[in-house]
Every structure is written in C-alpha cells, then in structure tokens.
Amino acid sequence: MNCPRCAATTTKQRVKKTKLGYAIFFCPQCQSTFNERTGSPFNYLEVPTDIVLLAVVWRLRYKLSLRDIAEMFLERGFAFTYETVRDWEVRFAPLLAEHLRVNRCGQAGKSWYVDETYIKVHGKWCYLYRAIDADGNLVNSRKCQN
C-alpha cells in the first residue's frame, strides 16, 4: 500500500491491527503510521466500513426509516443513532451512486426508452428523466429542477 503522505511504495505492514480490524502500515521514509482507511471518506468512522455501506444500502433499497435501521443494527451488536444513519446517507449515498453508475457503463442495450415524469421533492416540483434499455435495465436517471 502506498503512503498517503509521501506516496512511497516501500511501506511495511505491521502485525498489529486497528480496533476495527484494519491493517496498519508504516512508512520508513516519512516515519508515519497509517491504516487501510486513511485518506478515504471512511477514515474517522467508529464502525466498520461494510456496516456503514450496508446501512445506507438498506435505507435506499428497502425504504426503511432511520430509526428502523438503527434498531436493526442494535440487534446485531452495533449501536448508533438514527441521526448517524442520516449523516451516513448524506455522505455515502452519492459515492454509492457514482460507483454503480461507473460499473453500469457499457452494459446497456442498443435501443433505449426515455421516460419523463413530474414529481414533488421536498415541496418543489422537479422533472425526473429515466432511460431504460430494451431489456428493462436502467441506463441512467436524472432529476432536474423546474
């Protein structure tokens, strides 16, 4: 793993791991210690990255309430508040959307169908455009202000 401070490639992995189980690395050039999440948006989170992403995906995919998500993870031994879930959704939903959008490129069919609808979002009317290929796969979607 490259050093996030000096970009050196001669880093060494330590035997010790972080409290959450992430590998710790040492850079002999700049004498810095860092872990796998250093420099990422997940760096200062107090729960594992996969738990955060799972909470955000469940929130977006299944339309669960913030309190339901927090309660579901409390039953699994992870304690955080519904405000934390809301903060994660704001921070990481765009990252997930961009990741999915990049992975979706090149997988659409040759013919597309575009649908336009007028929806109300937070009290304001907006246009929602959706492009779907002949197989029913989502090509892209875009929300535009009026």
N, C-alpha and C. Protein backbone atom coordinates (compact mmCIF):
# COMPACT_ATOMS: atom_id res chain seq x y z
N MET A 1 0.85 -1.18 0.00
CA MET A 1 0.00 0.00 0.00
C MET A 1 0.89 1.23 0.00
N ASN A 2 0.56 2.22 -0.81
CA ASN A 2 1.34 3.45 -0.89
C ASN A 2 1.05 4.35 0.31
N CYS A 3 2.06 5.09 0.73
CA CYS A 3 1.92 6.01 1.85
C CYS A 3 1.06 7.21 1.42
N PRO A 4 0.04 7.57 2.20
CA PRO A 4 -0.80 8.71 1.82
C PRO A 4 -0.10 10.06 1.98
N ARG A 5 0.99 10.11 2.76
CA ARG A 5 1.70 11.38 2.96
C ARG A 5 2.75 11.63 1.89
N CYS A 6 3.63 10.65 1.67
CA CYS A 6 4.76 10.86 0.74
C CYS A 6 4.67 10.01 -0.52
N ALA A 7 3.64 9.19 -0.64
CA ALA A 7 3.40 8.32 -1.80
C ALA A 7 4.49 7.27 -2.00
N ALA A 8 5.22 6.95 -0.95
CA ALA A 8 6.26 5.92 -1.03
C ALA A 8 5.62 4.54 -1.19
N THR A 9 6.30 3.69 -1.92
CA THR A 9 5.79 2.33 -2.14
C THR A 9 6.47 1.32 -1.23
N THR A 10 7.39 1.77 -0.39
CA THR A 10 8.15 0.86 0.47
C THR A 10 7.54 0.74 1.86
N THR A 11 6.24 0.79 1.96
CA THR A 11 5.60 0.68 3.27
C THR A 11 5.62 -0.76 3.75
N LYS A 12 5.56 -0.91 5.05
CA LYS A 12 5.57 -2.24 5.65
C LYS A 12 4.31 -2.41 6.49
N GLN A 13 3.73 -3.60 6.39
CA GLN A 13 2.54 -3.89 7.17
C GLN A 13 2.94 -4.35 8.55
N ARG A 14 2.30 -3.79 9.56
CA ARG A 14 2.55 -4.18 10.93
C ARG A 14 1.70 -5.39 11.30
N VAL A 15 2.12 -6.08 12.32
CA VAL A 15 1.37 -7.25 12.79
C VAL A 15 0.09 -6.80 13.49
N LYS A 16 0.18 -5.69 14.23
CA LYS A 16 -0.95 -5.17 14.96
C LYS A 16 -2.01 -4.62 14.00
N LYS A 17 -3.27 -4.72 14.40
CA LYS A 17 -4.38 -4.18 13.61
C LYS A 17 -5.12 -3.13 14.43
N THR A 18 -5.96 -2.35 13.77
CA THR A 18 -6.75 -1.35 14.47
C THR A 18 -7.83 -2.03 15.30
N LYS A 19 -8.53 -1.24 16.10
CA LYS A 19 -9.59 -1.78 16.93
C LYS A 19 -10.71 -2.41 16.09
N LEU A 20 -10.90 -1.89 14.88
CA LEU A 20 -11.92 -2.44 13.99
C LEU A 20 -11.40 -3.56 13.10
N GLY A 21 -10.10 -3.87 13.20
CA GLY A 21 -9.54 -4.99 12.45
C GLY A 21 -8.88 -4.63 11.14
N TYR A 22 -8.60 -3.35 10.92
CA TYR A 22 -7.95 -2.93 9.67
C TYR A 22 -6.44 -2.99 9.82
N ALA A 23 -5.76 -3.34 8.75
CA ALA A 23 -4.30 -3.47 8.76
C ALA A 23 -3.64 -2.11 8.98
N ILE A 24 -2.54 -2.11 9.74
CA ILE A 24 -1.77 -0.90 10.00
C ILE A 24 -0.47 -0.99 9.22
N PHE A 25 -0.07 0.12 8.60
CA PHE A 25 1.14 0.18 7.79
C PHE A 25 2.08 1.23 8.36
N PHE A 26 3.38 1.07 8.06
CA PHE A 26 4.40 2.02 8.49
C PHE A 26 5.23 2.42 7.28
N CYS A 27 5.47 3.71 7.14
CA CYS A 27 6.30 4.22 6.04
C CYS A 27 7.67 4.60 6.60
N PRO A 28 8.74 3.91 6.21
CA PRO A 28 10.06 4.24 6.73
C PRO A 28 10.60 5.58 6.22
N GLN A 29 10.11 6.07 5.09
CA GLN A 29 10.62 7.33 4.55
C GLN A 29 10.16 8.54 5.35
N CYS A 30 8.86 8.61 5.63
CA CYS A 30 8.35 9.78 6.37
C CYS A 30 8.01 9.44 7.82
N GLN A 31 8.27 8.22 8.24
CA GLN A 31 8.07 7.76 9.61
C GLN A 31 6.60 7.88 10.06
N SER A 32 5.67 7.72 9.15
CA SER A 32 4.26 7.83 9.52
C SER A 32 3.61 6.45 9.58
N THR A 33 2.60 6.37 10.41
CA THR A 33 1.80 5.16 10.55
C THR A 33 0.40 5.46 10.04
N PHE A 34 -0.16 4.55 9.29
CA PHE A 34 -1.50 4.75 8.74
C PHE A 34 -2.17 3.40 8.58
N ASN A 35 -3.48 3.44 8.35
CA ASN A 35 -4.21 2.18 8.15
C ASN A 35 -4.87 2.17 6.78
N GLU A 36 -5.63 1.11 6.51
CA GLU A 36 -6.26 0.92 5.20
C GLU A 36 -7.23 2.03 4.86
N ARG A 37 -7.87 2.62 5.86
CA ARG A 37 -8.90 3.63 5.59
C ARG A 37 -8.36 5.05 5.58
N THR A 38 -7.09 5.25 5.84
CA THR A 38 -6.51 6.59 5.85
C THR A 38 -6.67 7.23 4.48
N GLY A 39 -7.17 8.46 4.48
CA GLY A 39 -7.36 9.19 3.23
C GLY A 39 -8.66 8.90 2.53
N SER A 40 -9.45 7.99 3.06
CA SER A 40 -10.74 7.67 2.44
C SER A 40 -11.85 8.39 3.21
N PRO A 41 -13.04 8.48 2.64
CA PRO A 41 -14.15 9.10 3.37
C PRO A 41 -14.56 8.32 4.62
N PHE A 42 -14.11 7.09 4.74
CA PHE A 42 -14.49 6.24 5.87
C PHE A 42 -13.48 6.30 7.02
N ASN A 43 -12.50 7.18 6.95
CA ASN A 43 -11.38 7.18 7.87
C ASN A 43 -11.77 7.34 9.33
N TYR A 44 -12.61 8.29 9.66
CA TYR A 44 -12.88 8.59 11.07
C TYR A 44 -14.16 7.94 11.60
N LEU A 45 -14.68 6.96 10.90
CA LEU A 45 -15.88 6.28 11.37
C LEU A 45 -15.53 5.30 12.49
N GLU A 46 -16.45 5.15 13.42
CA GLU A 46 -16.21 4.28 14.57
C GLU A 46 -16.79 2.88 14.39
N VAL A 47 -17.33 2.62 13.21
CA VAL A 47 -17.86 1.29 12.89
C VAL A 47 -17.23 0.83 11.59
N PRO A 48 -17.22 -0.48 11.32
CA PRO A 48 -16.62 -0.98 10.09
C PRO A 48 -17.29 -0.42 8.83
N THR A 49 -16.52 -0.30 7.78
CA THR A 49 -16.99 0.25 6.52
C THR A 49 -18.15 -0.55 5.96
N ASP A 50 -18.08 -1.87 6.03
CA ASP A 50 -19.15 -2.68 5.45
C ASP A 50 -20.48 -2.49 6.18
N ILE A 51 -20.44 -2.20 7.47
CA ILE A 51 -21.66 -1.94 8.23
C ILE A 51 -22.28 -0.62 7.78
N VAL A 52 -21.45 0.40 7.58
CA VAL A 52 -21.94 1.70 7.12
C VAL A 52 -22.59 1.57 5.74
N LEU A 53 -21.90 0.90 4.84
CA LEU A 53 -22.44 0.74 3.49
C LEU A 53 -23.72 -0.10 3.49
N LEU A 54 -23.77 -1.12 4.33
CA LEU A 54 -24.97 -1.94 4.42
C LEU A 54 -26.15 -1.12 4.94
N ALA A 55 -25.91 -0.27 5.93
CA ALA A 55 -26.97 0.58 6.46
C ALA A 55 -27.49 1.54 5.39
N VAL A 56 -26.60 2.11 4.61
CA VAL A 56 -27.01 3.04 3.55
C VAL A 56 -27.77 2.30 2.45
N VAL A 57 -27.27 1.15 2.06
CA VAL A 57 -27.96 0.37 1.01
C VAL A 57 -29.34 -0.06 1.48
N TRP A 58 -29.46 -0.53 2.71
CA TRP A 58 -30.78 -0.93 3.23
C TRP A 58 -31.72 0.27 3.27
N ARG A 59 -31.20 1.41 3.66
CA ARG A 59 -32.03 2.63 3.73
C ARG A 59 -32.55 3.01 2.35
N LEU A 60 -31.69 2.94 1.34
CA LEU A 60 -32.08 3.34 0.00
C LEU A 60 -32.90 2.27 -0.71
N ARG A 61 -32.54 1.03 -0.53
CA ARG A 61 -33.18 -0.05 -1.29
C ARG A 61 -34.54 -0.43 -0.73
N TYR A 62 -34.66 -0.51 0.58
CA TYR A 62 -35.88 -1.02 1.18
C TYR A 62 -36.75 0.06 1.81
N LYS A 63 -36.35 1.32 1.72
CA LYS A 63 -37.14 2.45 2.22
C LYS A 63 -37.50 2.29 3.70
N LEU A 64 -36.54 1.82 4.47
CA LEU A 64 -36.73 1.70 5.91
C LEU A 64 -36.52 3.06 6.56
N SER A 65 -37.15 3.28 7.70
CA SER A 65 -36.94 4.53 8.41
C SER A 65 -35.56 4.54 9.06
N LEU A 66 -35.10 5.73 9.40
CA LEU A 66 -33.79 5.86 10.04
C LEU A 66 -33.76 5.10 11.37
N ARG A 67 -34.84 5.21 12.11
CA ARG A 67 -34.91 4.52 13.40
C ARG A 67 -34.94 3.00 13.23
N ASP A 68 -35.61 2.52 12.18
CA ASP A 68 -35.63 1.08 11.91
C ASP A 68 -34.23 0.54 11.63
N ILE A 69 -33.47 1.28 10.84
CA ILE A 69 -32.10 0.85 10.51
C ILE A 69 -31.26 0.79 11.78
N ALA A 70 -31.32 1.84 12.60
CA ALA A 70 -30.54 1.86 13.84
C ALA A 70 -30.95 0.71 14.75
N GLU A 71 -32.23 0.41 14.82
CA GLU A 71 -32.71 -0.68 15.66
C GLU A 71 -32.26 -2.04 15.13
N MET A 72 -32.28 -2.21 13.81
CA MET A 72 -31.86 -3.48 13.22
C MET A 72 -30.38 -3.77 13.51
N PHE A 73 -29.55 -2.73 13.46
CA PHE A 73 -28.14 -2.94 13.75
C PHE A 73 -27.88 -3.06 15.24
N LEU A 74 -28.72 -2.46 16.06
CA LEU A 74 -28.58 -2.62 17.51
C LEU A 74 -28.78 -4.09 17.90
N GLU A 75 -29.72 -4.76 17.23
CA GLU A 75 -29.94 -6.18 17.48
C GLU A 75 -28.73 -7.02 17.06
N ARG A 76 -27.91 -6.50 16.17
CA ARG A 76 -26.72 -7.21 15.70
C ARG A 76 -25.45 -6.77 16.43
N GLY A 77 -25.60 -5.89 17.44
CA GLY A 77 -24.46 -5.51 18.26
C GLY A 77 -23.77 -4.22 17.87
N PHE A 78 -24.34 -3.45 16.96
CA PHE A 78 -23.75 -2.17 16.56
C PHE A 78 -24.68 -1.06 17.00
N ALA A 79 -24.20 -0.23 17.92
CA ALA A 79 -25.03 0.83 18.48
C ALA A 79 -24.68 2.17 17.86
N PHE A 80 -25.65 2.76 17.18
CA PHE A 80 -25.54 4.13 16.67
C PHE A 80 -26.94 4.69 16.55
N THR A 81 -27.04 6.00 16.47
CA THR A 81 -28.34 6.66 16.47
C THR A 81 -28.88 6.81 15.05
N TYR A 82 -30.15 7.17 14.97
CA TYR A 82 -30.75 7.38 13.66
C TYR A 82 -30.16 8.61 12.97
N GLU A 83 -29.68 9.60 13.76
CA GLU A 83 -29.03 10.76 13.15
C GLU A 83 -27.74 10.35 12.45
N THR A 84 -27.06 9.37 13.02
CA THR A 84 -25.84 8.85 12.40
C THR A 84 -26.15 8.22 11.06
N VAL A 85 -27.24 7.46 10.99
CA VAL A 85 -27.64 6.84 9.73
C VAL A 85 -27.95 7.92 8.70
N ARG A 86 -28.62 8.99 9.13
CA ARG A 86 -28.93 10.10 8.22
C ARG A 86 -27.64 10.75 7.70
N ASP A 87 -26.67 10.97 8.58
CA ASP A 87 -25.39 11.54 8.16
C ASP A 87 -24.68 10.63 7.16
N TRP A 88 -24.69 9.33 7.43
CA TRP A 88 -24.06 8.38 6.50
C TRP A 88 -24.75 8.41 5.14
N GLU A 89 -26.07 8.51 5.16
CA GLU A 89 -26.81 8.55 3.89
C GLU A 89 -26.41 9.78 3.08
N VAL A 90 -26.30 10.91 3.73
CA VAL A 90 -25.92 12.15 3.03
C VAL A 90 -24.49 12.04 2.49
N ARG A 91 -23.59 11.47 3.28
CA ARG A 91 -22.18 11.39 2.88
C ARG A 91 -21.89 10.30 1.86
N PHE A 92 -22.51 9.13 2.01
CA PHE A 92 -22.08 7.98 1.23
C PHE A 92 -23.03 7.55 0.12
N ALA A 93 -24.27 8.01 0.11
CA ALA A 93 -25.18 7.65 -0.98
C ALA A 93 -24.67 8.17 -2.33
N PRO A 94 -24.15 9.41 -2.41
CA PRO A 94 -23.59 9.84 -3.70
C PRO A 94 -22.40 8.99 -4.15
N LEU A 95 -21.57 8.54 -3.20
CA LEU A 95 -20.44 7.67 -3.56
C LEU A 95 -20.93 6.34 -4.11
N LEU A 96 -21.94 5.77 -3.46
CA LEU A 96 -22.51 4.51 -3.95
C LEU A 96 -23.13 4.69 -5.34
N ALA A 97 -23.86 5.79 -5.52
CA ALA A 97 -24.50 6.04 -6.82
C ALA A 97 -23.46 6.18 -7.92
N GLU A 98 -22.38 6.89 -7.64
CA GLU A 98 -21.33 7.06 -8.65
C GLU A 98 -20.65 5.73 -8.96
N HIS A 99 -20.40 4.94 -7.93
CA HIS A 99 -19.79 3.62 -8.13
C HIS A 99 -20.68 2.73 -9.00
N LEU A 100 -21.97 2.73 -8.71
CA LEU A 100 -22.90 1.92 -9.50
C LEU A 100 -23.01 2.44 -10.93
N ARG A 101 -22.99 3.76 -11.08
CA ARG A 101 -23.09 4.36 -12.41
C ARG A 101 -21.88 4.00 -13.26
N VAL A 102 -20.69 4.03 -12.68
CA VAL A 102 -19.47 3.69 -13.41
C VAL A 102 -19.49 2.22 -13.82
N ASN A 103 -19.92 1.35 -12.92
CA ASN A 103 -19.97 -0.09 -13.23
C ASN A 103 -21.06 -0.44 -14.23
N ARG A 104 -22.05 0.43 -14.37
CA ARG A 104 -23.16 0.17 -15.29
C ARG A 104 -22.81 0.56 -16.72
N CYS A 105 -21.78 1.37 -16.93
CA CYS A 105 -21.42 1.86 -18.27
C CYS A 105 -21.08 0.69 -19.18
N GLY A 106 -21.56 0.76 -20.42
CA GLY A 106 -21.26 -0.25 -21.41
C GLY A 106 -22.12 -1.49 -21.32
N GLN A 107 -23.05 -1.55 -20.39
CA GLN A 107 -23.88 -2.74 -20.23
C GLN A 107 -25.30 -2.53 -20.74
N ALA A 108 -25.57 -1.36 -21.29
CA ALA A 108 -26.92 -1.08 -21.79
C ALA A 108 -27.07 -1.61 -23.21
N GLY A 109 -28.31 -1.87 -23.58
CA GLY A 109 -28.59 -2.34 -24.93
C GLY A 109 -28.46 -1.22 -25.95
N LYS A 110 -28.72 -1.56 -27.22
CA LYS A 110 -28.56 -0.59 -28.29
C LYS A 110 -29.72 0.39 -28.39
N SER A 111 -30.91 -0.02 -27.98
CA SER A 111 -32.05 0.90 -28.04
C SER A 111 -32.51 1.24 -26.62
N TRP A 112 -32.85 2.51 -26.43
CA TRP A 112 -33.25 3.00 -25.12
C TRP A 112 -34.64 3.60 -25.20
N TYR A 113 -35.31 3.58 -24.07
CA TYR A 113 -36.59 4.25 -23.92
C TYR A 113 -36.42 5.27 -22.80
N VAL A 114 -36.81 6.51 -23.07
CA VAL A 114 -36.67 7.57 -22.07
C VAL A 114 -38.05 7.97 -21.59
N ASP A 115 -38.19 8.05 -20.28
CA ASP A 115 -39.45 8.40 -19.66
C ASP A 115 -39.25 9.69 -18.87
N GLU A 116 -40.23 10.57 -18.95
CA GLU A 116 -40.17 11.82 -18.22
C GLU A 116 -41.40 11.90 -17.32
N THR A 117 -41.19 12.27 -16.08
CA THR A 117 -42.32 12.44 -15.17
C THR A 117 -42.06 13.66 -14.30
N TYR A 118 -43.12 14.20 -13.74
CA TYR A 118 -43.06 15.40 -12.92
C TYR A 118 -43.36 14.99 -11.50
N ILE A 119 -42.40 15.14 -10.59
CA ILE A 119 -42.57 14.69 -9.21
C ILE A 119 -42.32 15.83 -8.24
N LYS A 120 -42.83 15.68 -7.04
CA LYS A 120 -42.64 16.68 -5.99
C LYS A 120 -41.59 16.16 -5.01
N VAL A 121 -40.50 16.92 -4.84
CA VAL A 121 -39.41 16.54 -3.95
C VAL A 121 -39.20 17.67 -2.95
N HIS A 122 -39.40 17.39 -1.69
CA HIS A 122 -39.25 18.39 -0.62
C HIS A 122 -40.09 19.64 -0.90
N GLY A 123 -41.30 19.44 -1.41
CA GLY A 123 -42.21 20.54 -1.66
C GLY A 123 -42.00 21.29 -2.95
N LYS A 124 -41.01 20.88 -3.76
CA LYS A 124 -40.74 21.55 -5.04
C LYS A 124 -40.95 20.55 -6.17
N TRP A 125 -41.53 21.02 -7.26
CA TRP A 125 -41.77 20.16 -8.41
C TRP A 125 -40.52 20.05 -9.25
N CYS A 126 -40.20 18.83 -9.65
CA CYS A 126 -38.99 18.55 -10.44
C CYS A 126 -39.34 17.56 -11.55
N TYR A 127 -38.54 17.59 -12.61
CA TYR A 127 -38.65 16.59 -13.67
C TYR A 127 -37.71 15.43 -13.34
N LEU A 128 -38.19 14.21 -13.53
CA LEU A 128 -37.37 13.03 -13.37
C LEU A 128 -37.32 12.32 -14.71
N TYR A 129 -36.11 12.18 -15.25
CA TYR A 129 -35.90 11.50 -16.53
C TYR A 129 -35.26 10.15 -16.24
N ARG A 130 -35.80 9.09 -16.87
CA ARG A 130 -35.23 7.75 -16.73
C ARG A 130 -35.03 7.15 -18.11
N ALA A 131 -33.85 6.60 -18.33
CA ALA A 131 -33.56 5.91 -19.59
C ALA A 131 -33.43 4.42 -19.29
N ILE A 132 -34.19 3.61 -20.04
CA ILE A 132 -34.22 2.17 -19.84
C ILE A 132 -33.96 1.51 -21.19
N ASP A 133 -33.13 0.46 -21.19
CA ASP A 133 -32.88 -0.24 -22.46
C ASP A 133 -33.99 -1.24 -22.76
N ALA A 134 -33.89 -1.92 -23.89
CA ALA A 134 -34.94 -2.84 -24.34
C ALA A 134 -35.16 -4.01 -23.38
N ASP A 135 -34.14 -4.37 -22.60
CA ASP A 135 -34.25 -5.48 -21.65
C ASP A 135 -34.81 -5.04 -20.30
N GLY A 136 -35.07 -3.74 -20.14
CA GLY A 136 -35.60 -3.23 -18.88
C GLY A 136 -34.55 -2.81 -17.88
N ASN A 137 -33.27 -2.79 -18.28
CA ASN A 137 -32.19 -2.36 -17.39
C ASN A 137 -32.10 -0.85 -17.37
N LEU A 138 -31.87 -0.29 -16.19
CA LEU A 138 -31.74 1.16 -16.07
C LEU A 138 -30.43 1.61 -16.69
N VAL A 139 -30.51 2.56 -17.61
CA VAL A 139 -29.32 3.12 -18.24
C VAL A 139 -28.84 4.31 -17.43
N ASN A 140 -29.75 5.24 -17.12
CA ASN A 140 -29.40 6.40 -16.32
C ASN A 140 -30.69 7.08 -15.88
N SER A 141 -30.58 7.90 -14.84
CA SER A 141 -31.70 8.71 -14.40
C SER A 141 -31.16 10.06 -13.97
N ARG A 142 -31.99 11.07 -14.11
CA ARG A 142 -31.57 12.42 -13.77
C ARG A 142 -32.77 13.20 -13.26
N LYS A 143 -32.55 13.96 -12.18
CA LYS A 143 -33.58 14.83 -11.63
C LYS A 143 -33.19 16.26 -11.94
N CYS A 144 -34.12 17.04 -12.50
CA CYS A 144 -33.85 18.43 -12.87
C CYS A 144 -34.83 19.34 -12.16
N GLN A 145 -34.34 20.46 -11.66
CA GLN A 145 -35.21 21.47 -11.06
C GLN A 145 -36.03 22.13 -12.14
N ASN A 146 -37.18 22.63 -11.79
CA ASN A 146 -38.05 23.28 -12.75
C ASN A 146 -37.55 24.66 -13.08
